[in-house]
Amino acid sequence: MREFPKLGSKSNFGFSDVDTSHVRRHFDDAGIAHCDSLIPIRVEMTDCFADNPTPESDLLIDFAAHCIDFRKNSDDQLRDRFLKFLGSDKCTEKRGDGRRYFRGDWGVTVVQ
């Protein structure tokens, strides 16, 4: 159920979507003991939604989209949909002061 699964696609970059759930499943299937943790990562990205974005905010959008110069190279409809998704509760934590923080939590699996 990914909204934008192919912005950074396998055909362009040579990798597939593998995450810790795949690794954990293989460890479980093989009977390998492991310990799982979640490391919360927050990146302040309020300026990404400003009328006059900064070069730094454009780099954050490029990072999130896995595309170079996403704001310049995407069509208006895709850009608007992506920014709306990026600013949604699925991706962003909104704080009381109006600042928005990208949630980029990392799942960690340690073999015991």
PDB file of N, CA and C in Angstrom:
ATOM      1  N   MET A   1       0.835  -1.189   0.000  1.00  0.00           N
ATOM      2  CA  MET A   1       0.000   0.000   0.000  1.00  0.00           C
ATOM      3  C   MET A   1       0.876   1.248   0.000  1.00  0.00           C
ATOM      4  N   ARG A   2       1.795   1.313  -0.907  1.00  0.00           N
ATOM      5  CA  ARG A   2       2.667   2.469  -0.988  1.00  0.00           C
ATOM      6  C   ARG A   2       2.107   3.446  -2.007  1.00  0.00           C
ATOM      7  N   GLU A   3       2.078   4.692  -1.639  1.00  0.00           N
ATOM      8  CA  GLU A   3       1.519   5.732  -2.508  1.00  0.00           C
ATOM      9  C   GLU A   3       2.418   5.986  -3.718  1.00  0.00           C
ATOM     10  N   PHE A   4       3.722   6.036  -3.501  1.00  0.00           N
ATOM     11  CA  PHE A   4       4.666   6.349  -4.570  1.00  0.00           C
ATOM     12  C   PHE A   4       5.796   5.317  -4.574  1.00  0.00           C
ATOM     13  N   PRO A   5       5.509   4.071  -4.946  1.00  0.00           N
ATOM     14  CA  PRO A   5       6.523   3.030  -4.804  1.00  0.00           C
ATOM     15  C   PRO A   5       7.659   3.097  -5.803  1.00  0.00           C
ATOM     16  N   LYS A   6       7.502   3.788  -6.898  1.00  0.00           N
ATOM     17  CA  LYS A   6       8.507   3.703  -7.944  1.00  0.00           C
ATOM     18  C   LYS A   6       9.205   5.017  -8.262  1.00  0.00           C
ATOM     19  N   LEU A   7       9.188   5.986  -7.352  1.00  0.00           N
ATOM     20  CA  LEU A   7       9.941   7.208  -7.617  1.00  0.00           C
ATOM     21  C   LEU A   7      11.429   6.888  -7.715  1.00  0.00           C
ATOM     22  N   GLY A   8      11.928   6.059  -6.817  1.00  0.00           N
ATOM     23  CA  GLY A   8      13.287   5.549  -6.924  1.00  0.00           C
ATOM     24  C   GLY A   8      13.177   4.090  -7.284  1.00  0.00           C
ATOM     25  N   SER A   9      13.115   3.771  -8.546  1.00  0.00           N
ATOM     26  CA  SER A   9      12.737   2.421  -8.966  1.00  0.00           C
ATOM     27  C   SER A   9      13.931   1.511  -9.154  1.00  0.00           C
ATOM     28  N   LYS A  10      13.647   0.230  -9.116  1.00  0.00           N
ATOM     29  CA  LYS A  10      14.643  -0.814  -9.326  1.00  0.00           C
ATOM     30  C   LYS A  10      15.305  -0.667 -10.690  1.00  0.00           C
ATOM     31  N   SER A  11      14.513  -0.347 -11.705  1.00  0.00           N
ATOM     32  CA  SER A  11      15.075  -0.244 -13.046  1.00  0.00           C
ATOM     33  C   SER A  11      16.053   0.931 -13.161  1.00  0.00           C
ATOM     34  N   ASN A  12      15.817   1.984 -12.390  1.00  0.00           N
ATOM     35  CA  ASN A  12      16.713   3.144 -12.460  1.00  0.00           C
ATOM     36  C   ASN A  12      17.953   2.984 -11.592  1.00  0.00           C
ATOM     37  N   PHE A  13      17.816   2.282 -10.456  1.00  0.00           N
ATOM     38  CA  PHE A  13      18.903   2.261  -9.486  1.00  0.00           C
ATOM     39  C   PHE A  13      19.458   0.873  -9.188  1.00  0.00           C
ATOM     40  N   GLY A  14      18.836  -0.185  -9.709  1.00  0.00           N
ATOM     41  CA  GLY A  14      19.377  -1.519  -9.557  1.00  0.00           C
ATOM     42  C   GLY A  14      19.145  -2.162  -8.204  1.00  0.00           C
ATOM     43  N   PHE A  15      18.189  -1.726  -7.434  1.00  0.00           N
ATOM     44  CA  PHE A  15      17.872  -2.371  -6.165  1.00  0.00           C
ATOM     45  C   PHE A  15      16.370  -2.573  -6.060  1.00  0.00           C
ATOM     46  N   SER A  16      15.990  -3.493  -5.213  1.00  0.00           N
ATOM     47  CA  SER A  16      14.572  -3.747  -4.997  1.00  0.00           C
ATOM     48  C   SER A  16      14.186  -3.288  -3.602  1.00  0.00           C
ATOM     49  N   ASP A  17      12.914  -3.277  -3.335  1.00  0.00           N
ATOM     50  CA  ASP A  17      12.415  -2.841  -2.036  1.00  0.00           C
ATOM     51  C   ASP A  17      12.530  -3.977  -1.035  1.00  0.00           C
ATOM     52  N   VAL A  18      13.609  -3.986  -0.288  1.00  0.00           N
ATOM     53  CA  VAL A  18      13.819  -4.965   0.769  1.00  0.00           C
ATOM     54  C   VAL A  18      13.913  -4.181   2.072  1.00  0.00           C
ATOM     55  N   ASP A  19      13.174  -4.643   3.066  1.00  0.00           N
ATOM     56  CA  ASP A  19      13.250  -3.979   4.361  1.00  0.00           C
ATOM     57  C   ASP A  19      13.465  -5.013   5.457  1.00  0.00           C
ATOM     58  N   THR A  20      13.483  -4.565   6.693  1.00  0.00           N
ATOM     59  CA  THR A  20      13.790  -5.470   7.792  1.00  0.00           C
ATOM     60  C   THR A  20      12.752  -6.575   7.953  1.00  0.00           C
ATOM     61  N   SER A  21      11.518  -6.351   7.495  1.00  0.00           N
ATOM     62  CA  SER A  21      10.519  -7.422   7.615  1.00  0.00           C
ATOM     63  C   SER A  21      10.917  -8.633   6.763  1.00  0.00           C
ATOM     64  N   HIS A  22      11.518  -8.398   5.603  1.00  0.00           N
ATOM     65  CA  HIS A  22      11.989  -9.501   4.768  1.00  0.00           C
ATOM     66  C   HIS A  22      13.132 -10.252   5.465  1.00  0.00           C
ATOM     67  N   VAL A  23      14.055  -9.501   6.030  1.00  0.00           N
ATOM     68  CA  VAL A  23      15.197 -10.105   6.716  1.00  0.00           C
ATOM     69  C   VAL A  23      14.716 -10.908   7.918  1.00  0.00           C
ATOM     70  N   ARG A  24      13.817 -10.327   8.712  1.00  0.00           N
ATOM     71  CA  ARG A  24      13.296 -11.035   9.894  1.00  0.00           C
ATOM     72  C   ARG A  24      12.603 -12.341   9.501  1.00  0.00           C
ATOM     73  N   ARG A  25      11.806 -12.292   8.447  1.00  0.00           N
ATOM     74  CA  ARG A  25      11.098 -13.488   8.002  1.00  0.00           C
ATOM     75  C   ARG A  25      12.081 -14.597   7.626  1.00  0.00           C
ATOM     76  N   HIS A  26      13.149 -14.243   6.928  1.00  0.00           N
ATOM     77  CA  HIS A  26      14.151 -15.244   6.552  1.00  0.00           C
ATOM     78  C   HIS A  26      14.873 -15.789   7.776  1.00  0.00           C
ATOM     79  N   PHE A  27      15.182 -14.929   8.742  1.00  0.00           N
ATOM     80  CA  PHE A  27      15.788 -15.404   9.985  1.00  0.00           C
ATOM     81  C   PHE A  27      14.845 -16.356  10.708  1.00  0.00           C
ATOM     82  N   ASP A  28      13.566 -15.984  10.798  1.00  0.00           N
ATOM     83  CA  ASP A  28      12.578 -16.844  11.456  1.00  0.00           C
ATOM     84  C   ASP A  28      12.475 -18.190  10.747  1.00  0.00           C
ATOM     85  N   ASP A  29      12.397 -18.170   9.427  1.00  0.00           N
ATOM     86  CA  ASP A  29      12.290 -19.410   8.651  1.00  0.00           C
ATOM     87  C   ASP A  29      13.507 -20.313   8.853  1.00  0.00           C
ATOM     88  N   ALA A  30      14.676 -19.688   9.036  1.00  0.00           N
ATOM     89  CA  ALA A  30      15.915 -20.453   9.213  1.00  0.00           C
ATOM     90  C   ALA A  30      16.184 -20.783  10.680  1.00  0.00           C
ATOM     91  N   GLY A  31      15.333 -20.299  11.597  1.00  0.00           N
ATOM     92  CA  GLY A  31      15.542 -20.569  13.018  1.00  0.00           C
ATOM     93  C   GLY A  31      16.699 -19.794  13.616  1.00  0.00           C
ATOM     94  N   ILE A  32      17.024 -18.655  13.045  1.00  0.00           N
ATOM     95  CA  ILE A  32      18.132 -17.824  13.536  1.00  0.00           C
ATOM     96  C   ILE A  32      17.584 -16.829  14.553  1.00  0.00           C
ATOM     97  N   ALA A  33      18.142 -16.852  15.768  1.00  0.00           N
ATOM     98  CA  ALA A  33      17.688 -15.941  16.828  1.00  0.00           C
ATOM     99  C   ALA A  33      18.104 -14.511  16.491  1.00  0.00           C
ATOM    100  N   HIS A  34      17.187 -13.577  16.730  1.00  0.00           N
ATOM    101  CA  HIS A  34      17.484 -12.165  16.459  1.00  0.00           C
ATOM    102  C   HIS A  34      16.674 -11.280  17.393  1.00  0.00           C
ATOM    103  N   CYS A  35      17.155 -10.060  17.550  1.00  0.00           N
ATOM    104  CA  CYS A  35      16.501  -9.061  18.382  1.00  0.00           C
ATOM    105  C   CYS A  35      16.151  -7.867  17.486  1.00  0.00           C
ATOM    106  N   ASP A  36      14.916  -7.394  17.581  1.00  0.00           N
ATOM    107  CA  ASP A  36      14.444  -6.313  16.720  1.00  0.00           C
ATOM    108  C   ASP A  36      14.248  -5.037  17.522  1.00  0.00           C
ATOM    109  N   SER A  37      14.610  -3.909  16.923  1.00  0.00           N
ATOM    110  CA  SER A  37      14.434  -2.605  17.545  1.00  0.00           C
ATOM    111  C   SER A  37      13.995  -1.598  16.496  1.00  0.00           C
ATOM    112  N   LEU A  38      13.436  -0.509  16.956  1.00  0.00           N
ATOM    113  CA  LEU A  38      13.055   0.597  16.080  1.00  0.00           C
ATOM    114  C   LEU A  38      13.792   1.845  16.542  1.00  0.00           C
ATOM    115  N   ILE A  39      14.472   2.488  15.616  1.00  0.00           N
ATOM    116  CA  ILE A  39      15.191   3.724  15.927  1.00  0.00           C
ATOM    117  C   ILE A  39      14.425   4.871  15.289  1.00  0.00           C
ATOM    118  N   PRO A  40      13.807   5.716  16.117  1.00  0.00           N
ATOM    119  CA  PRO A  40      13.043   6.832  15.551  1.00  0.00           C
ATOM    120  C   PRO A  40      13.969   7.919  14.996  1.00  0.00           C
ATOM    121  N   ILE A  41      13.709   8.317  13.765  1.00  0.00           N
ATOM    122  CA  ILE A  41      14.468   9.381  13.100  1.00  0.00           C
ATOM    123  C   ILE A  41      13.473  10.479  12.740  1.00  0.00           C
ATOM    124  N   ARG A  42      13.784  11.727  13.084  1.00  0.00           N
ATOM    125  CA  ARG A  42      12.941  12.860  12.732  1.00  0.00           C
ATOM    126  C   ARG A  42      13.808  13.917  12.050  1.00  0.00           C
ATOM    127  N   VAL A  43      13.326  14.412  10.905  1.00  0.00           N
ATOM    128  CA  VAL A  43      14.030  15.455  10.157  1.00  0.00           C
ATOM    129  C   VAL A  43      13.073  16.627   9.993  1.00  0.00           C
ATOM    130  N   GLU A  44      13.475  17.784  10.459  1.00  0.00           N
ATOM    131  CA  GLU A  44      12.622  18.975  10.366  1.00  0.00           C
ATOM    132  C   GLU A  44      12.555  19.405   8.905  1.00  0.00           C
ATOM    133  N   MET A  45      11.331  19.513   8.381  1.00  0.00           N
ATOM    134  CA  MET A  45      11.168  19.778   6.953  1.00  0.00           C
ATOM    135  C   MET A  45      10.089  20.806   6.652  1.00  0.00           C
ATOM    136  N   THR A  46       9.814  21.683   7.582  1.00  0.00           N
ATOM    137  CA  THR A  46       8.759  22.680   7.408  1.00  0.00           C
ATOM    138  C   THR A  46       8.970  23.511   6.145  1.00  0.00           C
ATOM    139  N   ASP A  47      10.224  23.872   5.867  1.00  0.00           N
ATOM    140  CA  ASP A  47      10.513  24.728   4.714  1.00  0.00           C
ATOM    141  C   ASP A  47      10.190  24.061   3.374  1.00  0.00           C
ATOM    142  N   CYS A  48      10.031  22.740   3.360  1.00  0.00           N
ATOM    143  CA  CYS A  48       9.678  22.042   2.113  1.00  0.00           C
ATOM    144  C   CYS A  48       8.301  22.461   1.617  1.00  0.00           C
ATOM    145  N   PHE A  49       7.473  22.965   2.510  1.00  0.00           N
ATOM    146  CA  PHE A  49       6.100  23.323   2.158  1.00  0.00           C
ATOM    147  C   PHE A  49       5.898  24.837   2.041  1.00  0.00           C
ATOM    148  N   ALA A  50       6.982  25.593   2.144  1.00  0.00           N
ATOM    149  CA  ALA A  50       6.910  27.050   2.061  1.00  0.00           C
ATOM    150  C   ALA A  50       6.691  27.493   0.618  1.00  0.00           C
ATOM    151  N   ASP A  51       6.137  28.696   0.460  1.00  0.00           N
ATOM    152  CA  ASP A  51       5.937  29.253  -0.878  1.00  0.00           C
ATOM    153  C   ASP A  51       7.261  29.470  -1.603  1.00  0.00           C
ATOM    154  N   ASN A  52       8.288  29.818  -0.847  1.00  0.00           N
ATOM    155  CA  ASN A  52       9.629  30.020  -1.410  1.00  0.00           C
ATOM    156  C   ASN A  52      10.584  29.021  -0.761  1.00  0.00           C
ATOM    157  N   PRO A  53      10.641  27.794  -1.283  1.00  0.00           N
ATOM    158  CA  PRO A  53      11.487  26.783  -0.660  1.00  0.00           C
ATOM    159  C   PRO A  53      12.967  27.135  -0.778  1.00  0.00           C
ATOM    160  N   THR A  54      13.727  26.640   0.174  1.00  0.00           N
ATOM    161  CA  THR A  54      15.174  26.863   0.183  1.00  0.00           C
ATOM    162  C   THR A  54      15.863  25.742  -0.594  1.00  0.00           C
ATOM    163  N   PRO A  55      17.121  25.949  -0.972  1.00  0.00           N
ATOM    164  CA  PRO A  55      17.869  24.853  -1.617  1.00  0.00           C
ATOM    165  C   PRO A  55      17.951  23.619  -0.711  1.00  0.00           C
ATOM    166  N   GLU A  56      18.059  23.839   0.590  1.00  0.00           N
ATOM    167  CA  GLU A  56      18.117  22.716   1.534  1.00  0.00           C
ATOM    168  C   GLU A  56      16.803  21.942   1.545  1.00  0.00           C
ATOM    169  N   SER A  57      15.676  22.668   1.470  1.00  0.00           N
ATOM    170  CA  SER A  57      14.384  21.968   1.479  1.00  0.00           C
ATOM    171  C   SER A  57      14.201  21.170   0.176  1.00  0.00           C
ATOM    172  N   ASP A  58      14.712  21.690  -0.920  1.00  0.00           N
ATOM    173  CA  ASP A  58      14.654  20.928  -2.172  1.00  0.00           C
ATOM    174  C   ASP A  58      15.485  19.649  -2.079  1.00  0.00           C
ATOM    175  N   LEU A  59      16.616  19.708  -1.382  1.00  0.00           N
ATOM    176  CA  LEU A  59      17.425  18.498  -1.185  1.00  0.00           C
ATOM    177  C   LEU A  59      16.682  17.473  -0.332  1.00  0.00           C
ATOM    178  N   LEU A  60      15.943  17.938   0.677  1.00  0.00           N
ATOM    179  CA  LEU A  60      15.137  17.016   1.485  1.00  0.00           C
ATOM    180  C   LEU A  60      14.059  16.340   0.649  1.00  0.00           C
ATOM    181  N   ILE A  61      13.426  17.111  -0.231  1.00  0.00           N
ATOM    182  CA  ILE A  61      12.407  16.533  -1.116  1.00  0.00           C
ATOM    183  C   ILE A  61      13.052  15.528  -2.070  1.00  0.00           C
ATOM    184  N   ASP A  62      14.217  15.861  -2.611  1.00  0.00           N
ATOM    185  CA  ASP A  62      14.937  14.918  -3.478  1.00  0.00           C
ATOM    186  C   ASP A  62      15.237  13.623  -2.729  1.00  0.00           C
ATOM    187  N   PHE A  63      15.664  13.756  -1.477  1.00  0.00           N
ATOM    188  CA  PHE A  63      15.969  12.583  -0.651  1.00  0.00           C
ATOM    189  C   PHE A  63      14.715  11.733  -0.447  1.00  0.00           C
ATOM    190  N   ALA A  64      13.619  12.363  -0.096  1.00  0.00           N
ATOM    191  CA  ALA A  64      12.369  11.630   0.153  1.00  0.00           C
ATOM    192  C   ALA A  64      11.836  10.981  -1.120  1.00  0.00           C
ATOM    193  N   ALA A  65      12.014  11.651  -2.254  1.00  0.00           N
ATOM    194  CA  ALA A  65      11.497  11.142  -3.529  1.00  0.00           C
ATOM    195  C   ALA A  65      12.477  10.206  -4.235  1.00  0.00           C
ATOM    196  N   HIS A  66      13.727  10.145  -3.761  1.00  0.00           N
ATOM    197  CA  HIS A  66      14.772   9.357  -4.418  1.00  0.00           C
ATOM    198  C   HIS A  66      14.973   9.829  -5.855  1.00  0.00           C
ATOM    199  N   CYS A  67      14.893  11.123  -6.074  1.00  0.00           N
ATOM    200  CA  CYS A  67      15.057  11.729  -7.402  1.00  0.00           C
ATOM    201  C   CYS A  67      15.884  13.002  -7.280  1.00  0.00           C
ATOM    202  N   ILE A  68      16.718  13.241  -8.265  1.00  0.00           N
ATOM    203  CA  ILE A  68      17.489  14.481  -8.311  1.00  0.00           C
ATOM    204  C   ILE A  68      16.615  15.570  -8.917  1.00  0.00           C
ATOM    205  N   ASP A  69      16.599  16.740  -8.288  1.00  0.00           N
ATOM    206  CA  ASP A  69      15.830  17.896  -8.762  1.00  0.00           C
ATOM    207  C   ASP A  69      14.360  17.557  -8.986  1.00  0.00           C
ATOM    208  N   PHE A  70      13.765  16.869  -8.014  1.00  0.00           N
ATOM    209  CA  PHE A  70      12.376  16.434  -8.138  1.00  0.00           C
ATOM    210  C   PHE A  70      11.432  17.594  -8.382  1.00  0.00           C
ATOM    211  N   ARG A  71      11.605  18.677  -7.644  1.00  0.00           N
ATOM    212  CA  ARG A  71      10.696  19.816  -7.785  1.00  0.00           C
ATOM    213  C   ARG A  71      10.745  20.389  -9.205  1.00  0.00           C
ATOM    214  N   LYS A  72      11.932  20.392  -9.812  1.00  0.00           N
ATOM    215  CA  LYS A  72      12.089  20.931 -11.172  1.00  0.00           C
ATOM    216  C   LYS A  72      11.654  19.942 -12.249  1.00  0.00           C
ATOM    217  N   ASN A  73      11.936  18.658 -12.031  1.00  0.00           N
ATOM    218  CA  ASN A  73      11.765  17.665 -13.090  1.00  0.00           C
ATOM    219  C   ASN A  73      10.429  16.936 -13.097  1.00  0.00           C
ATOM    220  N   SER A  74       9.655  17.051 -12.048  1.00  0.00           N
ATOM    221  CA  SER A  74       8.362  16.351 -12.026  1.00  0.00           C
ATOM    222  C   SER A  74       7.276  17.271 -12.573  1.00  0.00           C
ATOM    223  N   ASP A  75       6.226  16.651 -13.094  1.00  0.00           N
ATOM    224  CA  ASP A  75       5.118  17.479 -13.564  1.00  0.00           C
ATOM    225  C   ASP A  75       4.325  17.993 -12.361  1.00  0.00           C
ATOM    226  N   ASP A  76       3.531  19.019 -12.577  1.00  0.00           N
ATOM    227  CA  ASP A  76       2.818  19.682 -11.483  1.00  0.00           C
ATOM    228  C   ASP A  76       1.930  18.732 -10.694  1.00  0.00           C
ATOM    229  N   GLN A  77       1.229  17.841 -11.398  1.00  0.00           N
ATOM    230  CA  GLN A  77       0.310  16.934 -10.718  1.00  0.00           C
ATOM    231  C   GLN A  77       1.053  15.974  -9.791  1.00  0.00           C
ATOM    232  N   LEU A  78       2.124  15.367 -10.272  1.00  0.00           N
ATOM    233  CA  LEU A  78       2.908  14.458  -9.448  1.00  0.00           C
ATOM    234  C   LEU A  78       3.517  15.197  -8.263  1.00  0.00           C
ATOM    235  N   ARG A  79       4.086  16.355  -8.512  1.00  0.00           N
ATOM    236  CA  ARG A  79       4.709  17.143  -7.453  1.00  0.00           C
ATOM    237  C   ARG A  79       3.692  17.498  -6.375  1.00  0.00           C
ATOM    238  N   ASP A  80       2.493  17.940  -6.777  1.00  0.00           N
ATOM    239  CA  ASP A  80       1.465  18.303  -5.802  1.00  0.00           C
ATOM    240  C   ASP A  80       1.011  17.087  -4.995  1.00  0.00           C
ATOM    241  N   ARG A  81       0.808  15.952  -5.673  1.00  0.00           N
ATOM    242  CA  ARG A  81       0.408  14.727  -4.965  1.00  0.00           C
ATOM    243  C   ARG A  81       1.483  14.275  -3.999  1.00  0.00           C
ATOM    244  N   PHE A  82       2.748  14.348  -4.432  1.00  0.00           N
ATOM    245  CA  PHE A  82       3.843  13.906  -3.572  1.00  0.00           C
ATOM    246  C   PHE A  82       3.978  14.811  -2.350  1.00  0.00           C
ATOM    247  N   LEU A  83       3.915  16.119  -2.547  1.00  0.00           N
ATOM    248  CA  LEU A  83       4.026  17.038  -1.411  1.00  0.00           C
ATOM    249  C   LEU A  83       2.851  16.878  -0.454  1.00  0.00           C
ATOM    250  N   LYS A  84       1.673  16.631  -0.999  1.00  0.00           N
ATOM    251  CA  LYS A  84       0.507  16.389  -0.136  1.00  0.00           C
ATOM    252  C   LYS A  84       0.723  15.114   0.686  1.00  0.00           C
ATOM    253  N   PHE A  85       1.204  14.051   0.035  1.00  0.00           N
ATOM    254  CA  PHE A  85       1.490  12.805   0.739  1.00  0.00           C
ATOM    255  C   PHE A  85       2.591  13.013   1.774  1.00  0.00           C
ATOM    256  N   LEU A  86       3.659  13.703   1.386  1.00  0.00           N
ATOM    257  CA  LEU A  86       4.779  13.944   2.284  1.00  0.00           C
ATOM    258  C   LEU A  86       4.343  14.734   3.515  1.00  0.00           C
ATOM    259  N   GLY A  87       3.405  15.637   3.348  1.00  0.00           N
ATOM    260  CA  GLY A  87       2.914  16.435   4.466  1.00  0.00           C
ATOM    261  C   GLY A  87       1.817  15.775   5.272  1.00  0.00           C
ATOM    262  N   SER A  88       1.386  14.584   4.836  1.00  0.00           N
ATOM    263  CA  SER A  88       0.292  13.891   5.529  1.00  0.00           C
ATOM    264  C   SER A  88       0.784  13.219   6.808  1.00  0.00           C
ATOM    265  N   ASP A  89      -0.156  12.754   7.597  1.00  0.00           N
ATOM    266  CA  ASP A  89       0.176  12.057   8.840  1.00  0.00           C
ATOM    267  C   ASP A  89       0.903  10.740   8.598  1.00  0.00           C
ATOM    268  N   LYS A  90       0.851  10.214   7.380  1.00  0.00           N
ATOM    269  CA  LYS A  90       1.568   8.977   7.064  1.00  0.00           C
ATOM    270  C   LYS A  90       3.081   9.186   7.105  1.00  0.00           C
ATOM    271  N   CYS A  91       3.526  10.405   6.775  1.00  0.00           N
ATOM    272  CA  CYS A  91       4.958  10.685   6.673  1.00  0.00           C
ATOM    273  C   CYS A  91       5.463  11.707   7.675  1.00  0.00           C
ATOM    274  N   THR A  92       4.585  12.575   8.114  1.00  0.00           N
ATOM    275  CA  THR A  92       5.014  13.754   8.844  1.00  0.00           C
ATOM    276  C   THR A  92       4.391  13.821  10.224  1.00  0.00           C
ATOM    277  N   GLU A  93       5.196  14.246  11.161  1.00  0.00           N
ATOM    278  CA  GLU A  93       4.742  14.510  12.520  1.00  0.00           C
ATOM    279  C   GLU A  93       4.636  16.030  12.659  1.00  0.00           C
ATOM    280  N   LYS A  94       3.454  16.516  12.983  1.00  0.00           N
ATOM    281  CA  LYS A  94       3.250  17.956  13.145  1.00  0.00           C
ATOM    282  C   LYS A  94       3.283  18.293  14.622  1.00  0.00           C
ATOM    283  N   ARG A  95       4.052  19.295  14.959  1.00  0.00           N
ATOM    284  CA  ARG A  95       4.196  19.684  16.368  1.00  0.00           C
ATOM    285  C   ARG A  95       3.380  20.947  16.636  1.00  0.00           C
ATOM    286  N   GLY A  96       3.201  21.238  17.904  1.00  0.00           N
ATOM    287  CA  GLY A  96       2.374  22.363  18.327  1.00  0.00           C
ATOM    288  C   GLY A  96       2.836  23.714  17.821  1.00  0.00           C
ATOM    289  N   ASP A  97       4.120  23.856  17.542  1.00  0.00           N
ATOM    290  CA  ASP A  97       4.652  25.134  17.059  1.00  0.00           C
ATOM    291  C   ASP A  97       4.499  25.300  15.548  1.00  0.00           C
ATOM    292  N   GLY A  98       3.821  24.324  14.898  1.00  0.00           N
ATOM    293  CA  GLY A  98       3.601  24.408  13.456  1.00  0.00           C
ATOM    294  C   GLY A  98       4.696  23.779  12.618  1.00  0.00           C
ATOM    295  N   ARG A  99       5.765  23.322  13.253  1.00  0.00           N
ATOM    296  CA  ARG A  99       6.868  22.695  12.517  1.00  0.00           C
ATOM    297  C   ARG A  99       6.464  21.277  12.102  1.00  0.00           C
ATOM    298  N   ARG A 100       6.993  20.835  10.984  1.00  0.00           N
ATOM    299  CA  ARG A 100       6.717  19.490  10.472  1.00  0.00           C
ATOM    300  C   ARG A 100       8.017  18.701  10.457  1.00  0.00           C
ATOM    301  N   TYR A 101       7.919  17.448  10.885  1.00  0.00           N
ATOM    302  CA  TYR A 101       9.083  16.572  10.965  1.00  0.00           C
ATOM    303  C   TYR A 101       8.805  15.288  10.195  1.00  0.00           C
ATOM    304  N   PHE A 102       9.687  14.981   9.262  1.00  0.00           N
ATOM    305  CA  PHE A 102       9.598  13.750   8.496  1.00  0.00           C
ATOM    306  C   PHE A 102       9.926  12.583   9.421  1.00  0.00           C
ATOM    307  N   ARG A 103       9.095  11.540   9.384  1.00  0.00           N
ATOM    308  CA  ARG A 103       9.338  10.323  10.163  1.00  0.00           C
ATOM    309  C   ARG A 103      10.075   9.330   9.275  1.00  0.00           C
ATOM    310  N   GLY A 104      11.311   9.106   9.592  1.00  0.00           N
ATOM    311  CA  GLY A 104      12.118   8.155   8.823  1.00  0.00           C
ATOM    312  C   GLY A 104      12.660   7.066   9.736  1.00  0.00           C
ATOM    313  N   ASP A 105      11.765   6.410  10.472  1.00  0.00           N
ATOM    314  CA  ASP A 105      12.193   5.411  11.448  1.00  0.00           C
ATOM    315  C   ASP A 105      12.938   4.261  10.783  1.00  0.00           C
ATOM    316  N   TRP A 106      13.954   3.777  11.476  1.00  0.00           N
ATOM    317  CA  TRP A 106      14.746   2.664  10.989  1.00  0.00           C
ATOM    318  C   TRP A 106      14.446   1.431  11.822  1.00  0.00           C
ATOM    319  N   GLY A 107      14.152   0.334  11.150  1.00  0.00           N
ATOM    320  CA  GLY A 107      14.032  -0.951  11.826  1.00  0.00           C
ATOM    321  C   GLY A 107      15.407  -1.601  11.867  1.00  0.00           C
ATOM    322  N   VAL A 108      15.767  -2.138  13.021  1.00  0.00           N
ATOM    323  CA  VAL A 108      17.077  -2.747  13.198  1.00  0.00           C
ATOM    324  C   VAL A 108      16.894  -4.181  13.669  1.00  0.00           C
ATOM    325  N   THR A 109      17.611  -5.098  13.052  1.00  0.00           N
ATOM    326  CA  THR A 109      17.599  -6.492  13.467  1.00  0.00           C
ATOM    327  C   THR A 109      19.038  -6.915  13.767  1.00  0.00           C
ATOM    328  N   VAL A 110      19.250  -7.417  14.977  1.00  0.00           N
ATOM    329  CA  VAL A 110      20.578  -7.851  15.401  1.00  0.00           C
ATOM    330  C   VAL A 110      20.534  -9.356  15.601  1.00  0.00           C
ATOM    331  N   VAL A 111      21.433 -10.068  14.955  1.00  0.00           N
ATOM    332  CA  VAL A 111      21.520 -11.519  15.109  1.00  0.00           C
ATOM    333  C   VAL A 111      22.177 -11.799  16.449  1.00  0.00           C
ATOM    334  N   GLN A 112      21.569 -12.719  17.192  1.00  0.00           N
ATOM    335  CA  GLN A 112      22.099 -13.038  18.540  1.00  0.00           C
ATOM    336  C   GLN A 112      23.043 -14.220  18.496  1.00  0.00           C
TER     337      GLN A 112
END
